[in-house]
PDB file of N, CA and C in Angstrom:
ATOM      1  N   MET A   1       0.844  -1.179   0.000  1.00  0.00           N
ATOM      2  CA  MET A   1       0.000   0.000   0.000  1.00  0.00           C
ATOM      3  C   MET A   1       0.885   1.236   0.000  1.00  0.00           C
ATOM      4  N   ARG A   2       0.511   2.201  -0.759  1.00  0.00           N
ATOM      5  CA  ARG A   2       1.251   3.457  -0.800  1.00  0.00           C
ATOM      6  C   ARG A   2       0.700   4.429   0.227  1.00  0.00           C
ATOM      7  N   ASN A   3       1.558   5.322   0.691  1.00  0.00           N
ATOM      8  CA  ASN A   3       1.092   6.377   1.585  1.00  0.00           C
ATOM      9  C   ASN A   3       0.134   7.277   0.828  1.00  0.00           C
ATOM     10  N   ARG A   4      -0.893   7.715   1.529  1.00  0.00           N
ATOM     11  CA  ARG A   4      -1.859   8.606   0.920  1.00  0.00           C
ATOM     12  C   ARG A   4      -1.428  10.052   1.115  1.00  0.00           C
ATOM     13  N   THR A   5      -1.973  10.920   0.296  1.00  0.00           N
ATOM     14  CA  THR A   5      -1.704  12.338   0.401  1.00  0.00           C
ATOM     15  C   THR A   5      -2.342  12.879   1.677  1.00  0.00           C
ATOM     16  N   VAL A   6      -1.631  13.769   2.352  1.00  0.00           N
ATOM     17  CA  VAL A   6      -2.182  14.423   3.538  1.00  0.00           C
ATOM     18  C   VAL A   6      -3.307  15.326   3.083  1.00  0.00           C
ATOM     19  N   THR A   7      -4.460  15.229   3.751  1.00  0.00           N
ATOM     20  CA  THR A   7      -5.645  15.959   3.299  1.00  0.00           C
ATOM     21  C   THR A   7      -5.936  17.218   4.089  1.00  0.00           C
ATOM     22  N   GLN A   8      -5.304  17.378   5.229  1.00  0.00           N
ATOM     23  CA  GLN A   8      -5.570  18.506   6.121  1.00  0.00           C
ATOM     24  C   GLN A   8      -6.996  18.476   6.672  1.00  0.00           C
ATOM     25  N   ASN A   9      -7.667  17.327   6.621  1.00  0.00           N
ATOM     26  CA  ASN A   9      -8.995  17.175   7.205  1.00  0.00           C
ATOM     27  C   ASN A   9      -8.866  16.960   8.699  1.00  0.00           C
ATOM     28  N   GLU A  10      -9.803  17.511   9.436  1.00  0.00           N
ATOM     29  CA  GLU A  10      -9.859  17.292  10.873  1.00  0.00           C
ATOM     30  C   GLU A  10     -11.123  16.531  11.198  1.00  0.00           C
ATOM     31  N   PHE A  11     -11.043  15.697  12.224  1.00  0.00           N
ATOM     32  CA  PHE A  11     -12.190  14.929  12.676  1.00  0.00           C
ATOM     33  C   PHE A  11     -12.391  15.181  14.150  1.00  0.00           C
ATOM     34  N   GLU A  12     -13.609  15.491  14.527  1.00  0.00           N
ATOM     35  CA  GLU A  12     -13.918  15.636  15.941  1.00  0.00           C
ATOM     36  C   GLU A  12     -14.261  14.248  16.474  1.00  0.00           C
ATOM     37  N   ILE A  13     -13.585  13.876  17.537  1.00  0.00           N
ATOM     38  CA  ILE A  13     -13.773  12.558  18.133  1.00  0.00           C
ATOM     39  C   ILE A  13     -14.395  12.738  19.508  1.00  0.00           C
ATOM     40  N   ALA A  14     -15.429  11.963  19.775  1.00  0.00           N
ATOM     41  CA  ALA A  14     -16.128  12.068  21.053  1.00  0.00           C
ATOM     42  C   ALA A  14     -15.175  11.781  22.207  1.00  0.00           C
ATOM     43  N   GLU A  15     -15.408  12.450  23.309  1.00  0.00           N
ATOM     44  CA  GLU A  15     -14.591  12.247  24.501  1.00  0.00           C
ATOM     45  C   GLU A  15     -14.623  10.780  24.901  1.00  0.00           C
ATOM     46  N   GLY A  16     -13.475  10.251  25.248  1.00  0.00           N
ATOM     47  CA  GLY A  16     -13.377   8.872  25.698  1.00  0.00           C
ATOM     48  C   GLY A  16     -13.069   7.875  24.589  1.00  0.00           C
ATOM     49  N   ILE A  17     -13.144   8.307  23.336  1.00  0.00           N
ATOM     50  CA  ILE A  17     -12.828   7.419  22.210  1.00  0.00           C
ATOM     51  C   ILE A  17     -11.315   7.355  22.057  1.00  0.00           C
ATOM     52  N   LYS A  18     -10.804   6.168  21.846  1.00  0.00           N
ATOM     53  CA  LYS A  18      -9.369   5.982  21.652  1.00  0.00           C
ATOM     54  C   LYS A  18      -9.124   5.360  20.285  1.00  0.00           C
ATOM     55  N   LEU A  19      -8.160   5.927  19.565  1.00  0.00           N
ATOM     56  CA  LEU A  19      -7.748   5.367  18.284  1.00  0.00           C
ATOM     57  C   LEU A  19      -6.514   4.525  18.552  1.00  0.00           C
ATOM     58  N   ILE A  20      -6.622   3.231  18.295  1.00  0.00           N
ATOM     59  CA  ILE A  20      -5.543   2.307  18.630  1.00  0.00           C
ATOM     60  C   ILE A  20      -5.087   1.574  17.381  1.00  0.00           C
ATOM     61  N   SER A  21      -3.776   1.562  17.172  1.00  0.00           N
ATOM     62  CA  SER A  21      -3.200   0.777  16.084  1.00  0.00           C
ATOM     63  C   SER A  21      -1.802   0.346  16.486  1.00  0.00           C
ATOM     64  N   SER A  22      -1.352  -0.738  15.888  1.00  0.00           N
ATOM     65  CA  SER A  22       0.028  -1.179  16.078  1.00  0.00           C
ATOM     66  C   SER A  22       0.557  -1.603  14.722  1.00  0.00           C
ATOM     67  N   THR A  23       1.874  -1.480  14.566  1.00  0.00           N
ATOM     68  CA  THR A  23       2.507  -1.804  13.293  1.00  0.00           C
ATOM     69  C   THR A  23       3.652  -2.779  13.510  1.00  0.00           C
ATOM     70  N   ASN A  24       4.076  -3.388  12.410  1.00  0.00           N
ATOM     71  CA  ASN A  24       5.282  -4.211  12.477  1.00  0.00           C
ATOM     72  C   ASN A  24       6.492  -3.296  12.270  1.00  0.00           C
ATOM     73  N   THR A  25       7.672  -3.851  12.219  1.00  0.00           N
ATOM     74  CA  THR A  25       8.886  -3.035  12.106  1.00  0.00           C
ATOM     75  C   THR A  25       9.006  -2.330  10.759  1.00  0.00           C
ATOM     76  N   ARG A  26       8.200  -2.722   9.793  1.00  0.00           N
ATOM     77  CA  ARG A  26       8.196  -2.065   8.476  1.00  0.00           C
ATOM     78  C   ARG A  26       7.134  -0.977   8.380  1.00  0.00           C
ATOM     79  N   GLY A  27       6.370  -0.762   9.459  1.00  0.00           N
ATOM     80  CA  GLY A  27       5.348   0.274   9.461  1.00  0.00           C
ATOM     81  C   GLY A  27       4.010  -0.165   8.928  1.00  0.00           C
ATOM     82  N   VAL A  28       3.828  -1.457   8.706  1.00  0.00           N
ATOM     83  CA  VAL A  28       2.554  -1.987   8.219  1.00  0.00           C
ATOM     84  C   VAL A  28       1.626  -2.194   9.412  1.00  0.00           C
ATOM     85  N   ILE A  29       0.429  -1.658   9.329  1.00  0.00           N
ATOM     86  CA  ILE A  29      -0.533  -1.807  10.427  1.00  0.00           C
ATOM     87  C   ILE A  29      -0.897  -3.277  10.565  1.00  0.00           C
ATOM     88  N   THR A  30      -0.741  -3.812  11.766  1.00  0.00           N
ATOM     89  CA  THR A  30      -1.050  -5.219  12.032  1.00  0.00           C
ATOM     90  C   THR A  30      -2.291  -5.388  12.896  1.00  0.00           C
ATOM     91  N   HIS A  31      -2.703  -4.340  13.577  1.00  0.00           N
ATOM     92  CA  HIS A  31      -3.895  -4.388  14.418  1.00  0.00           C
ATOM     93  C   HIS A  31      -4.425  -2.967  14.582  1.00  0.00           C
ATOM     94  N   CYS A  32      -5.745  -2.843  14.634  1.00  0.00           N
ATOM     95  CA  CYS A  32      -6.358  -1.548  14.953  1.00  0.00           C
ATOM     96  C   CYS A  32      -7.781  -1.783  15.438  1.00  0.00           C
ATOM     97  N   ASN A  33      -8.282  -0.796  16.162  1.00  0.00           N
ATOM     98  CA  ASN A  33      -9.654  -0.917  16.646  1.00  0.00           C
ATOM     99  C   ASN A  33     -10.626  -0.317  15.628  1.00  0.00           C
ATOM    100  N   ASP A  34     -11.916  -0.560  15.827  1.00  0.00           N
ATOM    101  CA  ASP A  34     -12.935  -0.118  14.880  1.00  0.00           C
ATOM    102  C   ASP A  34     -12.967   1.403  14.743  1.00  0.00           C
ATOM    103  N   GLU A  35     -12.702   2.122  15.819  1.00  0.00           N
ATOM    104  CA  GLU A  35     -12.693   3.582  15.769  1.00  0.00           C
ATOM    105  C   GLU A  35     -11.571   4.086  14.860  1.00  0.00           C
ATOM    106  N   PHE A  36     -10.415   3.430  14.909  1.00  0.00           N
ATOM    107  CA  PHE A  36      -9.310   3.791  14.026  1.00  0.00           C
ATOM    108  C   PHE A  36      -9.716   3.587  12.570  1.00  0.00           C
ATOM    109  N   VAL A  37     -10.364   2.477  12.280  1.00  0.00           N
ATOM    110  CA  VAL A  37     -10.820   2.182  10.905  1.00  0.00           C
ATOM    111  C   VAL A  37     -11.773   3.264  10.429  1.00  0.00           C
ATOM    112  N   GLU A  38     -12.706   3.662  11.272  1.00  0.00           N
ATOM    113  CA  GLU A  38     -13.698   4.662  10.883  1.00  0.00           C
ATOM    114  C   GLU A  38     -13.040   5.999  10.556  1.00  0.00           C
ATOM    115  N   VAL A  39     -12.124   6.447  11.373  1.00  0.00           N
ATOM    116  CA  VAL A  39     -11.485   7.746  11.164  1.00  0.00           C
ATOM    117  C   VAL A  39     -10.489   7.711  10.015  1.00  0.00           C
ATOM    118  N   SER A  40      -9.708   6.634   9.915  1.00  0.00           N
ATOM    119  CA  SER A  40      -8.651   6.560   8.906  1.00  0.00           C
ATOM    120  C   SER A  40      -9.171   6.215   7.516  1.00  0.00           C
ATOM    121  N   GLU A  41     -10.350   5.621   7.454  1.00  0.00           N
ATOM    122  CA  GLU A  41     -10.952   5.121   6.220  1.00  0.00           C
ATOM    123  C   GLU A  41     -10.168   3.976   5.603  1.00  0.00           C
ATOM    124  N   PHE A  42      -9.290   3.344   6.388  1.00  0.00           N
ATOM    125  CA  PHE A  42      -8.659   2.107   5.960  1.00  0.00           C
ATOM    126  C   PHE A  42      -9.667   0.981   6.135  1.00  0.00           C
ATOM    127  N   ALA A  43      -9.395  -0.162   5.565  1.00  0.00           N
ATOM    128  CA  ALA A  43     -10.262  -1.329   5.742  1.00  0.00           C
ATOM    129  C   ALA A  43      -9.435  -2.422   6.415  1.00  0.00           C
ATOM    130  N   LYS A  44     -10.074  -3.185   7.283  1.00  0.00           N
ATOM    131  CA  LYS A  44      -9.406  -4.327   7.902  1.00  0.00           C
ATOM    132  C   LYS A  44      -9.370  -5.476   6.918  1.00  0.00           C
ATOM    133  N   LYS A  45      -8.233  -6.187   6.878  1.00  0.00           N
ATOM    134  CA  LYS A  45      -8.139  -7.403   6.091  1.00  0.00           C
ATOM    135  C   LYS A  45      -8.663  -8.551   6.924  1.00  0.00           C
ATOM    136  N   ASN A  46      -9.286  -9.499   6.282  1.00  0.00           N
ATOM    137  CA  ASN A  46      -9.776 -10.685   6.999  1.00  0.00           C
ATOM    138  C   ASN A  46      -8.730 -11.754   7.027  1.00  0.00           C
TER     139      ASN A  46
END
């Protein structure tokens, strides 16, 4: 996957919501929560 262009978009996130993701040593996302998916517009692989 290629890096996307920075959009300068801002998102208001409700208090108490946490965006969680982890990557491998190459920077590839290996885990994320549903809130991260919603904000980032990435899709989870099955």
